Amino acid sequence: MRRSFSNVHLGTYLINVARGKHLVEEDPYQALIKDSFPGAMLDVYRTEPLPNSSVSGLIQGITMTPHIGKRTTRKLLLPQLMGEYKTDKRKTESVNLVDRVKRLLSMK
């Protein structure tokens, strides 16, 4: 783990929506395991789509978003928002949730 993650202030929350060498993907996982900070929201990954062997969706404290941290149009956004709204009204589970147990079992 890089020194930058071991020196973060208590309560720091990482949000990463950018590609590049500024973040080594394994570092937030290690920091969470060591209780260096409470959580992270990750939107982009070195490899997309994530391989089945990825632990990103399994670590408590990691929130994954489907590469949406960019400027988007109403044409793309509204159908997704309406779908989530209808799901919420029907009190059914969102299709965009990651089943951590199912993902873990698929890695074996």
N, C-alpha and C. Protein backbone atom coordinates (compact mmCIF):
# COMPACT_ATOMS: atom_id res chain seq x y z
N MET A 1 0.85 -1.18 0.00
CA MET A 1 0.00 0.00 0.00
C MET A 1 0.88 1.23 0.00
N ARG A 2 0.52 2.21 -0.79
CA ARG A 2 1.29 3.43 -0.89
C ARG A 2 1.17 4.26 0.38
N ARG A 3 2.18 5.06 0.64
CA ARG A 3 2.20 5.89 1.84
C ARG A 3 1.01 6.85 1.89
N SER A 4 0.52 7.30 0.74
CA SER A 4 -0.58 8.26 0.73
C SER A 4 -1.84 7.69 1.40
N PHE A 5 -2.07 6.42 1.26
CA PHE A 5 -3.25 5.82 1.87
C PHE A 5 -3.06 5.54 3.35
N SER A 6 -1.85 5.31 3.77
CA SER A 6 -1.61 5.04 5.19
C SER A 6 -1.63 6.33 6.01
N ASN A 7 -1.61 7.49 5.35
CA ASN A 7 -1.59 8.77 6.05
C ASN A 7 -2.87 9.58 5.92
N VAL A 8 -3.95 8.98 5.43
CA VAL A 8 -5.18 9.75 5.26
C VAL A 8 -5.80 10.06 6.62
N HIS A 9 -6.55 11.15 6.67
CA HIS A 9 -7.23 11.55 7.89
C HIS A 9 -8.38 10.61 8.19
N LEU A 10 -8.66 10.41 9.45
CA LEU A 10 -9.77 9.57 9.88
C LEU A 10 -11.07 10.11 9.27
N GLY A 11 -11.84 9.27 8.65
CA GLY A 11 -13.09 9.68 8.02
C GLY A 11 -12.97 10.01 6.55
N THR A 12 -11.77 9.92 5.99
CA THR A 12 -11.58 10.20 4.56
C THR A 12 -12.35 9.18 3.73
N TYR A 13 -13.02 9.63 2.68
CA TYR A 13 -13.76 8.76 1.78
C TYR A 13 -13.22 9.00 0.37
N LEU A 14 -12.79 7.95 -0.31
CA LEU A 14 -12.21 8.06 -1.64
C LEU A 14 -13.29 7.96 -2.71
N ILE A 15 -13.28 8.89 -3.65
CA ILE A 15 -14.15 8.82 -4.83
C ILE A 15 -13.23 8.87 -6.03
N ASN A 16 -13.26 7.83 -6.86
CA ASN A 16 -12.42 7.79 -8.04
C ASN A 16 -13.28 7.64 -9.29
N VAL A 17 -13.24 8.68 -10.15
CA VAL A 17 -13.97 8.65 -11.42
C VAL A 17 -13.03 8.85 -12.59
N ALA A 18 -11.73 8.68 -12.36
CA ALA A 18 -10.75 8.96 -13.41
C ALA A 18 -9.83 7.78 -13.66
N ARG A 19 -9.42 7.65 -14.90
CA ARG A 19 -8.41 6.65 -15.24
C ARG A 19 -7.04 7.28 -15.07
N GLY A 20 -6.04 6.46 -14.93
CA GLY A 20 -4.69 7.00 -14.88
C GLY A 20 -3.85 6.30 -13.84
N LYS A 21 -2.62 6.74 -13.74
CA LYS A 21 -1.67 6.12 -12.83
C LYS A 21 -1.73 6.73 -11.43
N HIS A 22 -2.66 7.64 -11.18
CA HIS A 22 -2.76 8.28 -9.88
C HIS A 22 -3.28 7.32 -8.81
N LEU A 23 -3.90 6.21 -9.21
CA LEU A 23 -4.46 5.27 -8.25
C LEU A 23 -4.08 3.85 -8.63
N VAL A 24 -3.51 3.15 -7.69
CA VAL A 24 -3.26 1.72 -7.85
C VAL A 24 -4.49 1.03 -7.25
N GLU A 25 -5.23 0.28 -8.06
CA GLU A 25 -6.53 -0.25 -7.64
C GLU A 25 -6.49 -1.05 -6.35
N GLU A 26 -5.41 -1.71 -6.07
CA GLU A 26 -5.33 -2.53 -4.87
C GLU A 26 -5.19 -1.69 -3.59
N ASP A 27 -4.70 -0.47 -3.71
CA ASP A 27 -4.46 0.36 -2.53
C ASP A 27 -5.71 0.65 -1.70
N PRO A 28 -6.83 1.05 -2.31
CA PRO A 28 -8.02 1.29 -1.48
C PRO A 28 -8.47 0.03 -0.74
N TYR A 29 -8.33 -1.13 -1.38
CA TYR A 29 -8.73 -2.38 -0.73
C TYR A 29 -7.89 -2.62 0.52
N GLN A 30 -6.59 -2.43 0.38
CA GLN A 30 -5.68 -2.62 1.51
C GLN A 30 -5.98 -1.61 2.62
N ALA A 31 -6.25 -0.38 2.25
CA ALA A 31 -6.54 0.66 3.24
C ALA A 31 -7.83 0.34 3.99
N LEU A 32 -8.83 -0.18 3.29
CA LEU A 32 -10.08 -0.55 3.95
C LEU A 32 -9.87 -1.72 4.91
N ILE A 33 -9.08 -2.68 4.49
CA ILE A 33 -8.80 -3.84 5.35
C ILE A 33 -8.08 -3.38 6.62
N LYS A 34 -7.20 -2.40 6.49
CA LYS A 34 -6.43 -1.89 7.63
C LYS A 34 -7.15 -0.77 8.37
N ASP A 35 -8.42 -0.51 8.01
CA ASP A 35 -9.22 0.56 8.64
C ASP A 35 -8.59 1.93 8.50
N SER A 36 -7.88 2.17 7.40
CA SER A 36 -7.29 3.50 7.18
C SER A 36 -8.34 4.53 6.79
N PHE A 37 -9.41 4.10 6.16
CA PHE A 37 -10.52 5.00 5.88
C PHE A 37 -11.79 4.19 5.73
N PRO A 38 -12.96 4.86 5.84
CA PRO A 38 -14.22 4.12 5.91
C PRO A 38 -14.77 3.56 4.62
N GLY A 39 -14.37 4.10 3.47
CA GLY A 39 -14.95 3.59 2.25
C GLY A 39 -14.44 4.26 1.01
N ALA A 40 -14.89 3.71 -0.13
CA ALA A 40 -14.49 4.23 -1.42
C ALA A 40 -15.61 4.00 -2.42
N MET A 41 -15.77 4.96 -3.34
CA MET A 41 -16.69 4.81 -4.45
C MET A 41 -15.81 4.78 -5.70
N LEU A 42 -15.89 3.69 -6.43
CA LEU A 42 -15.05 3.50 -7.61
C LEU A 42 -15.92 3.40 -8.85
N ASP A 43 -15.57 4.17 -9.86
CA ASP A 43 -16.38 4.22 -11.07
C ASP A 43 -15.64 3.69 -12.30
N VAL A 44 -14.33 3.73 -12.28
CA VAL A 44 -13.55 3.23 -13.41
C VAL A 44 -12.51 2.25 -12.92
N TYR A 45 -12.15 1.34 -13.80
CA TYR A 45 -11.22 0.28 -13.44
C TYR A 45 -10.22 0.08 -14.56
N ARG A 46 -9.09 -0.46 -14.21
CA ARG A 46 -8.03 -0.70 -15.19
C ARG A 46 -8.56 -1.60 -16.31
N THR A 47 -9.32 -2.63 -15.94
CA THR A 47 -9.90 -3.55 -16.92
C THR A 47 -11.42 -3.47 -16.82
N GLU A 48 -12.06 -3.18 -17.92
CA GLU A 48 -13.53 -3.16 -17.97
C GLU A 48 -14.00 -3.97 -19.16
N PRO A 49 -15.03 -4.78 -19.01
CA PRO A 49 -15.70 -5.05 -17.74
C PRO A 49 -14.77 -5.79 -16.78
N LEU A 50 -15.12 -5.70 -15.51
CA LEU A 50 -14.30 -6.36 -14.49
C LEU A 50 -14.30 -7.87 -14.71
N PRO A 51 -13.15 -8.50 -14.57
CA PRO A 51 -13.10 -9.95 -14.69
C PRO A 51 -13.79 -10.61 -13.49
N ASN A 52 -14.21 -11.85 -13.65
CA ASN A 52 -14.85 -12.57 -12.55
C ASN A 52 -13.96 -12.69 -11.33
N SER A 53 -12.66 -12.63 -11.52
CA SER A 53 -11.72 -12.77 -10.40
C SER A 53 -11.57 -11.48 -9.59
N SER A 54 -12.19 -10.39 -10.01
CA SER A 54 -12.06 -9.11 -9.31
C SER A 54 -12.73 -9.17 -7.93
N VAL A 55 -12.07 -8.60 -6.94
CA VAL A 55 -12.63 -8.56 -5.59
C VAL A 55 -13.34 -7.24 -5.31
N SER A 56 -13.40 -6.35 -6.28
CA SER A 56 -13.98 -5.01 -6.08
C SER A 56 -15.36 -5.03 -5.44
N GLY A 57 -16.24 -5.86 -5.93
CA GLY A 57 -17.61 -5.89 -5.41
C GLY A 57 -17.78 -6.69 -4.15
N LEU A 58 -16.71 -7.26 -3.64
CA LEU A 58 -16.81 -8.12 -2.46
C LEU A 58 -16.37 -7.44 -1.18
N ILE A 59 -15.65 -6.37 -1.27
CA ILE A 59 -15.08 -5.74 -0.09
C ILE A 59 -16.08 -4.77 0.52
N GLN A 60 -16.39 -4.98 1.79
CA GLN A 60 -17.30 -4.09 2.51
C GLN A 60 -16.71 -2.69 2.52
N GLY A 61 -17.50 -1.70 2.18
CA GLY A 61 -17.02 -0.33 2.15
C GLY A 61 -16.75 0.17 0.75
N ILE A 62 -16.73 -0.75 -0.23
CA ILE A 62 -16.54 -0.35 -1.63
C ILE A 62 -17.90 -0.22 -2.29
N THR A 63 -18.17 0.95 -2.85
CA THR A 63 -19.37 1.15 -3.65
C THR A 63 -18.90 1.25 -5.09
N MET A 64 -19.49 0.43 -5.93
CA MET A 64 -19.13 0.42 -7.34
C MET A 64 -20.24 1.07 -8.15
N THR A 65 -19.86 1.90 -9.10
CA THR A 65 -20.83 2.46 -10.03
C THR A 65 -20.45 2.01 -11.43
N PRO A 66 -21.42 1.91 -12.31
CA PRO A 66 -21.18 1.34 -13.65
C PRO A 66 -20.58 2.32 -14.65
N HIS A 67 -19.45 2.90 -14.31
CA HIS A 67 -18.74 3.83 -15.19
C HIS A 67 -19.66 4.95 -15.67
N ILE A 68 -20.27 5.62 -14.70
CA ILE A 68 -21.19 6.71 -15.02
C ILE A 68 -20.67 8.07 -14.57
N GLY A 69 -19.43 8.12 -14.08
CA GLY A 69 -18.87 9.37 -13.60
C GLY A 69 -18.41 10.26 -14.74
N LYS A 70 -19.28 10.52 -15.64
CA LYS A 70 -18.95 11.36 -16.79
C LYS A 70 -20.17 12.20 -17.12
N ARG A 71 -19.97 13.12 -18.00
CA ARG A 71 -21.10 13.91 -18.46
C ARG A 71 -22.00 13.02 -19.29
N THR A 72 -23.27 13.06 -19.02
CA THR A 72 -24.19 12.20 -19.76
C THR A 72 -25.35 13.02 -20.29
N THR A 73 -26.12 12.43 -21.16
CA THR A 73 -27.25 13.13 -21.76
C THR A 73 -28.56 12.64 -21.14
N ARG A 74 -29.57 13.44 -21.28
CA ARG A 74 -30.90 13.04 -20.79
C ARG A 74 -31.36 11.77 -21.48
N LYS A 75 -31.04 11.67 -22.75
CA LYS A 75 -31.47 10.51 -23.54
C LYS A 75 -30.94 9.20 -22.93
N LEU A 76 -29.71 9.24 -22.40
CA LEU A 76 -29.13 8.05 -21.77
C LEU A 76 -29.55 7.89 -20.32
N LEU A 77 -29.68 8.99 -19.62
CA LEU A 77 -29.93 8.94 -18.18
C LEU A 77 -31.38 8.65 -17.81
N LEU A 78 -32.33 9.28 -18.50
CA LEU A 78 -33.74 9.16 -18.12
C LEU A 78 -34.27 7.73 -18.11
N PRO A 79 -33.96 6.90 -19.12
CA PRO A 79 -34.47 5.52 -19.06
C PRO A 79 -33.96 4.76 -17.83
N GLN A 80 -32.70 4.97 -17.47
CA GLN A 80 -32.16 4.29 -16.30
C GLN A 80 -32.83 4.79 -15.01
N LEU A 81 -32.99 6.11 -14.90
CA LEU A 81 -33.64 6.66 -13.72
C LEU A 81 -35.09 6.21 -13.60
N MET A 82 -35.81 6.19 -14.71
CA MET A 82 -37.20 5.75 -14.69
C MET A 82 -37.31 4.27 -14.33
N GLY A 83 -36.37 3.48 -14.83
CA GLY A 83 -36.35 2.07 -14.47
C GLY A 83 -36.15 1.87 -12.98
N GLU A 84 -35.23 2.63 -12.40
CA GLU A 84 -34.99 2.53 -10.96
C GLU A 84 -36.19 3.04 -10.16
N TYR A 85 -36.82 4.10 -10.66
CA TYR A 85 -38.01 4.64 -9.99
C TYR A 85 -39.14 3.59 -9.97
N LYS A 86 -39.37 2.96 -11.11
CA LYS A 86 -40.42 1.94 -11.19
C LYS A 86 -40.10 0.75 -10.30
N THR A 87 -38.84 0.36 -10.26
CA THR A 87 -38.40 -0.73 -9.39
C THR A 87 -38.69 -0.39 -7.94
N ASP A 88 -38.38 0.84 -7.56
CA ASP A 88 -38.60 1.29 -6.19
C ASP A 88 -40.09 1.31 -5.86
N LYS A 89 -40.92 1.77 -6.79
CA LYS A 89 -42.38 1.83 -6.57
C LYS A 89 -42.97 0.43 -6.41
N ARG A 90 -42.43 -0.54 -7.15
CA ARG A 90 -42.92 -1.93 -7.07
C ARG A 90 -42.33 -2.65 -5.87
N LYS A 91 -41.35 -1.99 -5.21
CA LYS A 91 -40.65 -2.57 -4.07
C LYS A 91 -39.95 -3.87 -4.45
N THR A 92 -39.39 -3.88 -5.67
CA THR A 92 -38.60 -5.01 -6.12
C THR A 92 -37.14 -4.60 -6.13
N GLU A 93 -36.26 -5.57 -6.22
CA GLU A 93 -34.83 -5.30 -6.16
C GLU A 93 -34.32 -4.70 -7.47
N SER A 94 -33.43 -3.75 -7.35
CA SER A 94 -32.82 -3.11 -8.51
C SER A 94 -32.02 -4.13 -9.31
N VAL A 95 -32.06 -3.99 -10.63
CA VAL A 95 -31.26 -4.88 -11.48
C VAL A 95 -29.80 -4.47 -11.48
N ASN A 96 -29.49 -3.31 -10.90
CA ASN A 96 -28.12 -2.80 -10.92
C ASN A 96 -27.33 -3.14 -9.66
N LEU A 97 -27.90 -3.91 -8.76
CA LEU A 97 -27.18 -4.28 -7.54
C LEU A 97 -26.24 -5.45 -7.81
N VAL A 98 -25.13 -5.46 -7.09
CA VAL A 98 -24.19 -6.58 -7.17
C VAL A 98 -24.50 -7.54 -6.05
N ASP A 99 -24.76 -8.80 -6.39
CA ASP A 99 -24.97 -9.84 -5.39
C ASP A 99 -23.59 -10.34 -4.97
N ARG A 100 -23.12 -9.87 -3.82
CA ARG A 100 -21.75 -10.18 -3.37
C ARG A 100 -21.55 -11.68 -3.15
N VAL A 101 -22.56 -12.37 -2.63
CA VAL A 101 -22.43 -13.81 -2.40
C VAL A 101 -22.34 -14.55 -3.72
N LYS A 102 -23.22 -14.24 -4.66
CA LYS A 102 -23.20 -14.89 -5.96
C LYS A 102 -21.86 -14.63 -6.66
N ARG A 103 -21.35 -13.41 -6.56
CA ARG A 103 -20.07 -13.07 -7.18
C ARG A 103 -18.93 -13.85 -6.55
N LEU A 104 -18.94 -13.97 -5.24
CA LEU A 104 -17.91 -14.72 -4.53
C LEU A 104 -17.95 -16.20 -4.95
N LEU A 105 -19.14 -16.75 -5.04
CA LEU A 105 -19.27 -18.16 -5.44
C LEU A 105 -18.81 -18.39 -6.87
N SER A 106 -19.01 -17.41 -7.74
CA SER A 106 -18.59 -17.56 -9.14
C SER A 106 -17.07 -17.53 -9.30
N MET A 107 -16.38 -17.05 -8.27
CA MET A 107 -14.92 -16.96 -8.33
C MET A 107 -14.26 -18.30 -7.99
N LYS A 108 -15.01 -19.22 -7.41
CA LYS A 108 -14.44 -20.50 -6.99
C LYS A 108 -14.32 -21.47 -8.13
